[in-house]
Amino acid sequence: MNTGIRTSGRRRPGPPGRARLALPGRRWLALGAVLLATFMDLVDVTIVNVALPAIQRELHAGYAAGQWMAAVYALGYALLLITGGRLGDILGRRRVFLAGIIGFTVASAVAGAAVSPGMLIGARAAQGAFAGIMVPQALSVITVQFAPGRERTLAFSLYGGLLGVAQVGGPILGGLLTQHGVFGALGWRAIFYVNIPVGLVALAGAARWMDDSRAKPPPRLDLIGVALISVASLLLMFPLVQGREYGWPWWSVALLVCTLPVLILFAAYERRSTSPLVPPQLFARRPFTAGLILTLALFAGVAACFITLTWGLQFGLGWSPMRVALTGLAWPAGVACTAQYTHRHGHRHARRLVGAGTLIMAFGLAGLSVLTAAAGRGLTPWPMVPWLFVAGLGMGFALPILANAVISDVPHHSAGAASGVFNSVTQLGGVLGVAAAGLLYFGAAKAPVAISPDGTPRALAFSSAALLLAAVLSGLLPRRIASDEPGQLPFSDTVETPRRPEGRPR
């Protein structure tokens, strides 16, 4: 039977009747290395949430600083993700990927050694920036080295499943490391130091197995486009995260109003650019545009849910990080029950699975919102478990196939840019979710000295509404995704992959 996985060398004939061991090919080993690095990146988006109370106590940080610790990583990541993809096209994806891993690992070490809120926020921003350089090159392993069909579908499913596991695994891992550290020492600093060995393993694997590739001819880096989209993102996010801390002064509202003209200027410039950062024709495709809004809503809802539970359970009710982490295990348990079905049948029922999955997630978080409102300060873990489990079931249906569904209708020559935009939207969704949760949880007033759990139902209701919007938009996705197209070109048909040395099989 053909498994679709090539061996990394010639098979030696074995004894008759004995099964032969098929070793994973070079490209699958490269995929494993870059998925490890991607997992490290995705976990760091949420791992800090559970550790926030301990971090804020030790570093004497305010609640706005805590929000920035959670949000600045995703913001830095989103700002450089598309730029990182362009750098890979110009300089070579393997080279840029290795540089991103090295920078990310060093920034993690600085975050673990932080002695002030500013130092930690700066290190988190650097982590996000280097992740934005690293992750687009990881996607190139899928788009360049895997031909359209079953193998690419499997590779995208692995990537989509990784998104779900990392999204819910970050808070759980954060709770375990914060509570126990490493050998009982380090405390919350372990959530950053753990990236050092993981980063080194990913670095060694990518250096050994990842092929280099670049666009031919290489595009020009659109520096004006980079500057415009960066300014627009900062104009939007800074007042959303920081405005409440300052009591919503006039300048915070002015910054929000200025976001729209900067975005309009960016769109007008991109239409005239000979090498646009984001090809405007991508947004003429309804499935892609609707899929991006769906993705934004989904990740905003999930991010808002987890930061809300951190505030409500740890700050508001005084739960320990371990208690929060163990309660949260119900979510990945639900994901595990449905993700395998999506891996096998997602290409045939993409629209239905994304729609049903987001609707189930919305139902689970709506139930959690009602529960927290009814229980108040008497909330205990066990009544939460069924609702978290239901939300996990929905995520297992929706997330593994989402990336492939959003970009499946994109032309091959634009797939690299589309992948970068998709990943930027996931991270911007996380930032918006954290900011929206802060507005709904704390209100327009400055954060109080002691946090009450009373804002938990409101913020969870926002999460449910965001996921309900995602379910409505799922009707615009492709009904199914082709799973066996051996005659077509890879997504990046302008990419030239250098020839490997003799004796190093694919």
Protein backbone atom coordinates (compact mmCIF):
# COMPACT_ATOMS: atom_id res chain seq x y z
CA MET A 1 0.00 0.00 0.00
CA ASN A 2 1.29 3.45 -0.89
CA THR A 3 1.31 5.58 2.23
CA GLY A 4 2.37 8.75 0.38
CA ILE A 5 5.53 9.00 2.51
CA ARG A 6 8.81 8.47 0.74
CA THR A 7 11.74 6.78 2.35
CA SER A 8 14.88 8.76 3.06
CA GLY A 9 17.12 6.20 1.38
CA ARG A 10 17.12 2.95 -0.52
CA ARG A 11 15.18 0.14 1.11
CA ARG A 12 17.11 -2.96 1.94
CA PRO A 13 15.32 -6.17 1.05
CA GLY A 14 14.13 -7.94 4.19
CA PRO A 15 13.23 -11.53 4.89
CA PRO A 16 10.10 -12.81 3.09
CA GLY A 17 6.88 -12.19 4.99
CA ARG A 18 8.37 -9.52 7.28
CA ALA A 19 7.02 -5.97 7.10
CA ARG A 20 9.55 -3.38 5.99
CA LEU A 21 10.12 -0.27 8.04
CA ALA A 22 9.36 2.81 5.88
CA LEU A 23 11.38 5.72 7.25
CA PRO A 24 9.98 9.23 6.74
CA GLY A 25 11.43 11.08 3.74
CA ARG A 26 13.54 14.17 3.90
CA ARG A 27 10.63 16.53 3.31
CA TRP A 28 8.55 14.91 6.07
CA LEU A 29 11.46 15.25 8.48
CA ALA A 30 11.79 18.90 7.44
CA LEU A 31 8.07 19.32 8.03
CA GLY A 32 8.45 17.82 11.50
CA ALA A 33 11.24 20.26 12.35
CA VAL A 34 9.37 23.33 11.18
CA LEU A 35 6.12 22.22 12.82
CA LEU A 36 8.03 21.92 16.09
CA ALA A 37 9.22 25.51 15.68
CA THR A 38 5.71 26.60 14.70
CA PHE A 39 4.24 24.87 17.75
CA MET A 40 6.75 26.70 19.94
CA ASP A 41 5.64 29.98 18.39
CA LEU A 42 1.91 29.30 18.65
CA VAL A 43 2.13 28.16 22.27
CA ASP A 44 3.92 31.39 23.19
CA VAL A 45 0.91 33.38 21.98
CA THR A 46 -1.17 32.05 24.90
CA ILE A 47 1.26 30.51 27.39
CA VAL A 48 1.72 33.78 29.24
CA ASN A 49 -2.00 34.15 30.06
CA VAL A 50 -2.10 31.70 32.97
CA ALA A 51 1.23 32.97 34.30
CA LEU A 52 0.13 36.63 34.29
CA PRO A 53 -0.80 36.87 37.99
CA ALA A 54 2.56 35.48 39.10
CA ILE A 55 4.43 37.69 36.60
CA GLN A 56 2.57 40.82 37.65
CA ARG A 57 3.15 40.14 41.36
CA GLU A 58 6.89 39.59 40.97
CA LEU A 59 7.52 42.43 38.50
CA HIS A 60 5.01 44.83 40.13
CA ALA A 61 3.17 45.28 36.82
CA GLY A 62 -0.24 46.89 36.37
CA TYR A 63 -3.16 45.30 34.53
CA ALA A 64 -2.49 47.27 31.33
CA ALA A 65 1.11 45.98 31.37
CA GLY A 66 -0.32 42.50 31.79
CA GLN A 67 -2.51 43.01 28.73
CA TRP A 68 0.51 44.16 26.74
CA MET A 69 2.47 41.07 27.81
CA ALA A 70 -0.32 38.97 26.31
CA ALA A 71 -0.98 41.13 23.25
CA VAL A 72 2.37 42.55 22.12
CA TYR A 73 3.68 39.14 21.03
CA ALA A 74 0.81 38.57 18.62
CA LEU A 75 0.99 42.17 17.40
CA GLY A 76 4.72 41.95 16.62
CA TYR A 77 4.12 38.61 14.93
CA ALA A 78 1.30 39.93 12.76
CA LEU A 79 3.25 43.05 11.77
CA LEU A 80 6.20 41.08 10.37
CA LEU A 81 4.55 37.92 9.07
CA ILE A 82 3.96 39.10 5.49
CA THR A 83 7.30 40.93 5.48
CA GLY A 84 8.98 37.73 6.67
CA GLY A 85 7.46 35.87 3.76
CA ARG A 86 8.88 38.41 1.33
CA LEU A 87 12.32 38.16 2.93
CA GLY A 88 12.19 34.41 2.38
CA ASP A 89 11.32 34.95 -1.28
CA ILE A 90 14.29 37.29 -1.68
CA LEU A 91 17.02 35.80 0.54
CA GLY A 92 16.04 32.13 0.68
CA ARG A 93 13.50 30.52 2.98
CA ARG A 94 15.84 28.18 4.80
CA ARG A 95 18.27 30.97 5.64
CA VAL A 96 15.55 33.31 6.92
CA PHE A 97 13.88 30.48 8.85
CA LEU A 98 17.10 29.64 10.70
CA ALA A 99 17.64 33.32 11.51
CA GLY A 100 14.11 33.48 12.91
CA ILE A 101 14.64 30.46 15.18
CA ILE A 102 17.92 31.87 16.52
CA GLY A 103 16.36 35.27 17.25
CA PHE A 104 13.29 33.70 18.84
CA THR A 105 15.38 31.51 21.12
CA VAL A 106 17.55 34.43 22.25
CA ALA A 107 14.48 36.60 22.88
CA SER A 108 12.98 33.78 24.98
CA ALA A 109 16.10 33.72 27.13
CA VAL A 110 15.83 37.49 27.66
CA ALA A 111 12.14 37.16 28.59
CA GLY A 112 12.99 34.50 31.16
CA ALA A 113 15.59 36.80 32.71
CA ALA A 114 13.32 39.90 32.75
CA VAL A 115 13.57 42.10 35.85
CA SER A 116 10.94 44.72 34.91
CA PRO A 117 7.62 44.89 33.02
CA GLY A 118 9.23 46.94 30.25
CA MET A 119 12.00 44.41 29.75
CA LEU A 120 9.52 41.55 29.51
CA ILE A 121 7.23 43.43 27.11
CA GLY A 122 10.24 44.27 24.92
CA ALA A 123 11.37 40.64 24.90
CA ARG A 124 7.85 39.48 24.05
CA ALA A 125 7.74 41.94 21.15
CA ALA A 126 11.08 40.58 19.91
CA GLN A 127 9.76 37.01 20.21
CA GLY A 128 6.76 37.94 18.08
CA ALA A 129 8.89 39.74 15.49
CA PHE A 130 11.25 36.80 15.04
CA ALA A 131 8.28 34.43 14.92
CA GLY A 132 6.88 36.58 12.10
CA ILE A 133 10.11 36.02 10.21
CA MET A 134 10.18 32.29 10.96
CA VAL A 135 6.64 31.01 10.38
CA PRO A 136 6.16 31.93 6.69
CA GLN A 137 9.20 29.82 5.86
CA ALA A 138 7.63 26.92 7.73
CA LEU A 139 4.60 27.14 5.46
CA SER A 140 6.89 26.95 2.42
CA VAL A 141 7.70 23.34 3.33
CA ILE A 142 4.03 22.58 2.64
CA THR A 143 3.50 24.84 -0.37
CA VAL A 144 6.79 24.07 -2.13
CA GLN A 145 7.72 20.51 -1.20
CA PHE A 146 4.28 18.85 -1.20
CA ALA A 147 2.41 18.51 -4.49
CA PRO A 148 -1.34 19.27 -4.53
CA GLY A 149 -3.40 16.28 -3.50
CA ARG A 150 -3.48 13.93 -0.56
CA GLU A 151 0.01 14.70 0.75
CA ARG A 152 -0.58 18.45 0.84
CA THR A 153 -4.01 17.89 2.42
CA LEU A 154 -2.36 15.78 5.12
CA ALA A 155 0.37 18.39 5.67
CA PHE A 156 -2.22 21.18 5.98
CA SER A 157 -4.29 19.03 8.35
CA LEU A 158 -1.24 18.54 10.56
CA TYR A 159 -0.68 22.30 10.54
CA GLY A 160 -4.35 23.02 11.30
CA GLY A 161 -4.40 20.47 14.11
CA LEU A 162 -1.28 22.12 15.49
CA LEU A 163 -3.11 25.46 15.62
CA GLY A 164 -5.81 23.94 17.81
CA VAL A 165 -3.47 22.04 20.12
CA ALA A 166 -1.24 25.08 20.61
CA GLN A 167 -4.18 27.43 21.17
CA VAL A 168 -5.45 25.42 24.13
CA GLY A 169 -2.15 23.82 25.13
CA GLY A 170 -0.45 27.14 25.85
CA PRO A 171 -2.55 28.00 28.93
CA ILE A 172 -2.28 24.43 30.22
CA LEU A 173 1.49 24.29 29.78
CA GLY A 174 1.73 27.76 31.29
CA GLY A 175 -0.14 26.61 34.38
CA LEU A 176 2.02 23.52 34.82
CA LEU A 177 5.30 25.39 34.44
CA THR A 178 4.20 28.35 36.57
CA GLN A 179 3.07 26.09 39.40
CA HIS A 180 6.04 23.75 39.37
CA GLY A 181 8.72 25.47 37.28
CA VAL A 182 11.67 23.22 36.52
CA PHE A 183 12.59 21.00 39.47
CA GLY A 184 10.56 23.36 41.66
CA ALA A 185 12.75 26.40 40.85
CA LEU A 186 12.32 29.10 38.11
CA GLY A 187 8.53 29.51 38.55
CA TRP A 188 6.92 31.53 35.72
CA ARG A 189 10.31 32.05 34.08
CA ALA A 190 10.22 28.40 33.00
CA ILE A 191 7.54 29.22 30.39
CA PHE A 192 10.20 31.16 28.48
CA TYR A 193 13.29 29.08 29.26
CA VAL A 194 11.58 25.94 27.91
CA ASN A 195 11.86 27.47 24.43
CA ILE A 196 15.65 27.22 24.50
CA PRO A 197 15.98 23.41 24.19
CA VAL A 198 12.97 23.22 21.87
CA GLY A 199 14.42 25.94 19.68
CA LEU A 200 17.78 24.22 19.48
CA VAL A 201 16.18 20.93 18.40
CA ALA A 202 14.10 22.69 15.72
CA LEU A 203 17.19 24.60 14.58
CA ALA A 204 19.23 21.41 14.18
CA GLY A 205 16.42 19.62 12.31
CA ALA A 206 15.74 22.49 9.91
CA ALA A 207 19.46 22.98 9.23
CA ARG A 208 19.78 19.30 8.35
CA TRP A 209 16.61 18.58 6.36
CA MET A 210 15.00 21.80 5.12
CA ASP A 211 15.71 22.66 1.47
CA ASP A 212 16.41 26.25 0.52
CA SER A 213 14.16 27.95 -2.01
CA ARG A 214 13.39 31.43 -3.20
CA ALA A 215 11.19 33.15 -5.78
CA LYS A 216 12.58 33.55 -9.28
CA PRO A 217 12.78 36.38 -10.10
CA PRO A 218 12.83 37.58 -6.47
CA PRO A 219 10.26 40.28 -5.63
CA ARG A 220 11.15 43.69 -4.27
CA LEU A 221 10.41 44.29 -0.59
CA ASP A 222 7.61 46.85 -0.38
CA LEU A 223 8.98 49.00 2.45
CA ILE A 224 6.29 51.67 2.10
CA GLY A 225 3.59 48.98 2.35
CA VAL A 226 5.30 47.53 5.43
CA ALA A 227 5.38 50.96 7.07
CA LEU A 228 1.74 51.75 6.28
CA ILE A 229 0.28 48.48 7.55
CA SER A 230 2.46 48.67 10.68
CA VAL A 231 1.26 52.19 11.47
CA ALA A 232 -2.36 51.18 10.92
CA SER A 233 -2.05 48.22 13.27
CA LEU A 234 -0.47 50.30 16.01
CA LEU A 235 -3.05 53.07 15.63
CA LEU A 236 -5.76 50.47 16.15
CA MET A 237 -4.27 48.34 18.90
CA PHE A 238 -2.56 50.83 21.21
CA PRO A 239 -5.73 52.68 22.28
CA LEU A 240 -7.72 49.43 22.53
CA VAL A 241 -5.22 47.93 24.97
CA GLN A 242 -3.99 51.04 26.77
CA GLY A 243 -6.92 53.47 26.56
CA ARG A 244 -8.83 52.03 29.53
CA GLU A 245 -5.77 52.30 31.78
CA TYR A 246 -5.62 56.06 31.07
CA GLY A 247 -9.39 56.62 31.34
CA TRP A 248 -9.96 56.97 27.56
CA PRO A 249 -8.39 60.39 26.94
CA TRP A 250 -9.14 62.27 23.69
CA TRP A 251 -5.98 61.08 21.97
CA SER A 252 -6.97 57.41 22.33
CA VAL A 253 -10.18 58.07 20.37
CA ALA A 254 -8.25 60.14 17.82
CA LEU A 255 -5.82 57.27 17.20
CA LEU A 256 -8.73 54.90 16.54
CA VAL A 257 -10.29 57.35 14.08
CA CYS A 258 -6.96 57.73 12.22
CA THR A 259 -6.78 53.99 11.57
CA LEU A 260 -9.29 54.07 8.72
CA PRO A 261 -7.56 56.68 6.50
CA VAL A 262 -4.22 54.91 6.93
CA LEU A 263 -5.79 51.62 5.84
CA ILE A 264 -7.36 53.36 2.83
CA LEU A 265 -3.96 54.83 1.94
CA PHE A 266 -2.36 51.40 2.24
CA ALA A 267 -4.97 49.84 -0.07
CA ALA A 268 -4.55 52.63 -2.65
CA TYR A 269 -0.77 52.28 -2.61
CA GLU A 270 -0.90 48.50 -2.95
CA ARG A 271 -3.05 48.79 -6.10
CA ARG A 272 -0.34 50.90 -7.78
CA SER A 273 2.69 49.06 -6.43
CA THR A 274 4.64 46.87 -8.89
CA SER A 275 5.52 44.50 -6.04
CA PRO A 276 2.67 44.80 -3.52
CA LEU A 277 3.03 43.43 -0.04
CA VAL A 278 -0.53 42.06 -0.31
CA PRO A 279 -1.77 41.49 -3.90
CA PRO A 280 -5.13 43.34 -4.09
CA GLN A 281 -6.64 40.73 -6.42
CA LEU A 282 -6.69 38.25 -3.55
CA PHE A 283 -9.58 40.11 -1.95
CA ALA A 284 -11.68 39.90 -5.11
CA ARG A 285 -12.23 36.21 -4.28
CA ARG A 286 -15.22 35.83 -2.00
CA PRO A 287 -14.13 32.59 -0.26
CA PHE A 288 -10.75 34.10 0.64
CA THR A 289 -12.12 37.41 1.94
CA ALA A 290 -14.95 35.75 3.87
CA GLY A 291 -12.50 33.15 5.17
CA LEU A 292 -10.24 35.87 6.56
CA ILE A 293 -13.13 37.52 8.41
CA LEU A 294 -14.16 34.08 9.68
CA THR A 295 -10.61 33.42 10.86
CA LEU A 296 -10.41 36.82 12.56
CA ALA A 297 -13.67 36.16 14.41
CA LEU A 298 -12.69 32.62 15.41
CA PHE A 299 -9.29 33.54 16.86
CA ALA A 300 -10.67 36.68 18.53
CA GLY A 301 -13.32 34.55 20.24
CA VAL A 302 -10.87 31.90 21.43
CA ALA A 303 -8.27 34.44 22.63
CA ALA A 304 -10.93 36.43 24.48
CA CYS A 305 -12.17 33.24 26.14
CA PHE A 306 -8.80 32.23 27.54
CA ILE A 307 -7.71 35.66 28.75
CA THR A 308 -11.16 36.06 30.37
CA LEU A 309 -10.85 32.76 32.20
CA THR A 310 -7.41 33.85 33.41
CA TRP A 311 -8.80 37.07 34.85
CA GLY A 312 -11.99 35.54 36.21
CA LEU A 313 -10.59 32.35 37.71
CA GLN A 314 -7.15 33.41 38.89
CA PHE A 315 -7.58 37.10 39.67
CA GLY A 316 -11.28 37.08 40.50
CA LEU A 317 -11.69 33.74 42.31
CA GLY A 318 -8.10 33.15 43.42
CA TRP A 319 -7.65 29.79 41.70
CA SER A 320 -4.10 28.46 41.38
CA PRO A 321 -2.49 28.13 37.92
CA MET A 322 -2.59 24.34 38.32
CA ARG A 323 -6.32 24.34 39.05
CA VAL A 324 -6.97 26.50 35.97
CA ALA A 325 -4.74 24.26 33.83
CA LEU A 326 -6.43 21.03 34.95
CA THR A 327 -9.88 22.48 34.35
CA GLY A 328 -8.79 23.58 30.89
CA LEU A 329 -7.81 20.01 29.94
CA ALA A 330 -11.45 19.41 29.01
CA TRP A 331 -10.95 21.58 25.89
CA PRO A 332 -8.08 19.61 24.25
CA ALA A 333 -9.87 16.39 25.23
CA GLY A 334 -12.76 17.53 23.06
CA VAL A 335 -10.39 18.47 20.22
CA ALA A 336 -8.84 14.98 20.32
CA CYS A 337 -12.28 13.36 19.91
CA THR A 338 -13.09 15.09 16.60
CA ALA A 339 -9.82 16.16 14.97
CA GLN A 340 -9.07 12.72 13.55
CA TYR A 341 -12.42 12.67 11.72
CA THR A 342 -11.59 16.07 10.22
CA HIS A 343 -8.17 14.85 9.08
CA ARG A 344 -9.80 12.01 7.17
CA HIS A 345 -12.94 13.63 5.77
CA GLY A 346 -12.33 17.37 5.94
CA HIS A 347 -11.53 17.75 2.23
CA ARG A 348 -14.97 16.35 1.31
CA HIS A 349 -16.99 18.38 3.84
CA ALA A 350 -14.86 21.50 4.43
CA ARG A 351 -17.72 24.01 4.56
CA ARG A 352 -19.95 21.84 6.74
CA LEU A 353 -17.22 20.98 9.22
CA VAL A 354 -16.06 24.58 9.67
CA GLY A 355 -19.68 25.76 10.02
CA ALA A 356 -20.69 23.02 12.44
CA GLY A 357 -17.47 23.33 14.42
CA THR A 358 -17.72 27.09 14.97
CA LEU A 359 -21.41 26.77 15.85
CA ILE A 360 -20.64 24.09 18.44
CA MET A 361 -17.87 26.29 19.88
CA ALA A 362 -20.30 29.22 20.11
CA PHE A 363 -22.80 27.00 21.94
CA GLY A 364 -20.16 25.78 24.40
CA LEU A 365 -18.98 29.29 25.28
CA ALA A 366 -22.55 30.58 25.54
CA GLY A 367 -23.22 27.84 28.09
CA LEU A 368 -20.04 28.77 29.94
CA SER A 369 -21.14 32.41 30.02
CA VAL A 370 -24.52 31.48 31.51
CA LEU A 371 -22.84 29.17 34.04
CA THR A 372 -20.40 31.82 35.28
CA ALA A 373 -23.23 34.35 35.59
CA ALA A 374 -25.36 31.96 37.62
CA ALA A 375 -22.59 30.57 39.85
CA GLY A 376 -20.84 33.86 40.58
CA ARG A 377 -18.20 33.47 43.28
CA GLY A 378 -19.37 29.94 43.98
CA LEU A 379 -18.07 28.65 40.64
CA THR A 380 -16.25 25.29 40.82
CA PRO A 381 -14.33 23.38 38.12
CA TRP A 382 -16.63 20.43 37.48
CA PRO A 383 -19.65 22.34 36.10
CA MET A 384 -17.27 24.05 33.63
CA VAL A 385 -15.88 20.80 32.21
CA PRO A 386 -18.84 19.84 29.95
CA TRP A 387 -18.97 23.28 28.32
CA LEU A 388 -15.20 23.39 27.74
CA PHE A 389 -15.37 19.87 26.31
CA VAL A 390 -18.14 20.90 23.89
CA ALA A 391 -16.10 23.90 22.74
CA GLY A 392 -13.15 21.57 22.15
CA LEU A 393 -15.32 19.23 20.07
CA GLY A 394 -16.19 22.17 17.83
CA MET A 395 -12.58 23.26 17.46
CA GLY A 396 -11.60 19.73 16.43
CA PHE A 397 -14.13 19.92 13.58
CA ALA A 398 -13.25 23.43 12.38
CA LEU A 399 -9.60 24.22 12.84
CA PRO A 400 -7.69 21.37 11.11
CA ILE A 401 -9.30 22.16 7.74
CA LEU A 402 -9.63 25.95 8.08
CA ALA A 403 -6.33 27.06 6.53
CA ASN A 404 -6.75 24.81 3.51
CA ALA A 405 -10.36 25.91 3.04
CA VAL A 406 -9.49 29.62 3.12
CA ILE A 407 -6.64 29.49 0.59
CA SER A 408 -7.81 26.60 -1.62
CA ASP A 409 -9.46 28.99 -4.10
CA VAL A 410 -6.38 31.23 -4.41
CA PRO A 411 -4.31 31.07 -7.64
CA HIS A 412 -1.05 29.17 -7.33
CA HIS A 413 1.15 32.21 -7.94
CA SER A 414 -0.54 34.07 -5.02
CA ALA A 415 -0.64 31.25 -2.49
CA GLY A 416 2.50 32.38 -0.62
CA ALA A 417 1.07 35.85 -0.02
CA ALA A 418 -2.30 34.33 0.88
CA SER A 419 -0.69 32.10 3.49
CA GLY A 420 1.07 35.11 5.01
CA VAL A 421 -2.16 37.11 5.14
CA PHE A 422 -4.00 34.17 6.71
CA ASN A 423 -1.46 33.81 9.51
CA SER A 424 -1.38 37.56 10.08
CA VAL A 425 -5.14 37.54 10.52
CA THR A 426 -4.96 34.71 13.08
CA GLN A 427 -2.61 36.75 15.22
CA LEU A 428 -4.46 40.04 14.77
CA GLY A 429 -7.59 38.17 15.79
CA GLY A 430 -5.84 37.13 19.00
CA VAL A 431 -4.82 40.74 19.71
CA LEU A 432 -8.32 42.06 19.04
CA GLY A 433 -9.80 39.32 21.22
CA VAL A 434 -7.59 40.25 24.17
CA ALA A 435 -8.41 43.95 23.71
CA ALA A 436 -12.17 43.34 23.39
CA ALA A 437 -12.15 41.09 26.44
CA GLY A 438 -10.43 43.84 28.41
CA LEU A 439 -13.07 46.38 27.38
CA LEU A 440 -15.95 44.09 28.30
CA TYR A 441 -14.42 42.70 31.47
CA PHE A 442 -13.24 45.95 33.03
CA GLY A 443 -15.53 48.44 31.28
CA ALA A 444 -14.48 51.96 30.36
CA ALA A 445 -13.12 52.74 33.81
CA LYS A 446 -9.56 52.17 34.91
CA ALA A 447 -8.72 48.70 36.18
CA PRO A 448 -9.51 48.32 39.89
CA VAL A 449 -6.94 47.19 42.40
CA ALA A 450 -8.85 43.96 43.04
CA ILE A 451 -10.51 42.25 40.09
CA SER A 452 -14.05 40.98 40.48
CA PRO A 453 -15.25 37.93 38.52
CA ASP A 454 -18.41 39.84 37.54
CA GLY A 455 -17.08 40.69 34.07
CA THR A 456 -16.51 37.04 33.11
CA PRO A 457 -20.01 36.37 31.66
CA ARG A 458 -19.88 39.52 29.48
CA ALA A 459 -16.51 38.69 27.96
CA LEU A 460 -17.47 35.05 27.39
CA ALA A 461 -20.66 36.22 25.67
CA PHE A 462 -18.46 38.20 23.26
CA SER A 463 -16.46 35.03 22.54
CA SER A 464 -19.67 33.16 21.76
CA ALA A 465 -20.93 35.96 19.49
CA ALA A 466 -17.62 36.08 17.58
CA LEU A 467 -17.79 32.33 16.94
CA LEU A 468 -21.43 32.61 15.88
CA LEU A 469 -20.32 35.17 13.28
CA ALA A 470 -17.68 32.70 12.09
CA ALA A 471 -20.37 30.03 11.70
CA VAL A 472 -22.48 32.37 9.55
CA LEU A 473 -19.52 33.22 7.31
CA SER A 474 -18.63 29.55 6.83
CA GLY A 475 -21.35 29.34 4.17
CA LEU A 476 -19.05 31.31 1.84
CA LEU A 477 -16.19 28.79 2.04
CA PRO A 478 -15.65 26.14 -0.66
CA ARG A 479 -17.92 23.14 -0.22
CA ARG A 480 -15.06 20.70 -0.60
CA ILE A 481 -11.31 20.71 -1.26
CA ALA A 482 -9.75 18.56 -3.97
CA SER A 483 -7.69 15.81 -2.34
CA ASP A 484 -6.01 14.21 -5.32
CA GLU A 485 -4.68 16.47 -8.07
CA PRO A 486 -1.41 14.90 -9.17
CA GLY A 487 -1.26 16.80 -12.44
CA GLN A 488 -1.24 20.30 -10.98
CA LEU A 489 1.68 22.47 -10.04
CA PRO A 490 2.56 23.32 -6.46
CA PHE A 491 1.12 26.52 -5.01
CA SER A 492 4.27 28.55 -5.54
CA ASP A 493 4.86 27.89 -9.21
CA THR A 494 7.38 30.74 -9.37
CA VAL A 495 9.65 29.10 -6.80
CA GLU A 496 12.88 27.43 -7.81
CA THR A 497 14.23 24.85 -5.36
CA PRO A 498 18.01 24.39 -5.63
CA ARG A 499 19.28 20.97 -6.47
CA ARG A 500 20.45 18.99 -3.47
CA PRO A 501 23.92 17.42 -3.39
CA GLU A 502 24.20 13.92 -4.81
CA GLY A 503 23.60 11.19 -2.31
CA ARG A 504 21.02 13.21 -0.32
CA PRO A 505 17.67 11.82 -1.44
CA ARG A 506 14.39 13.60 -1.05
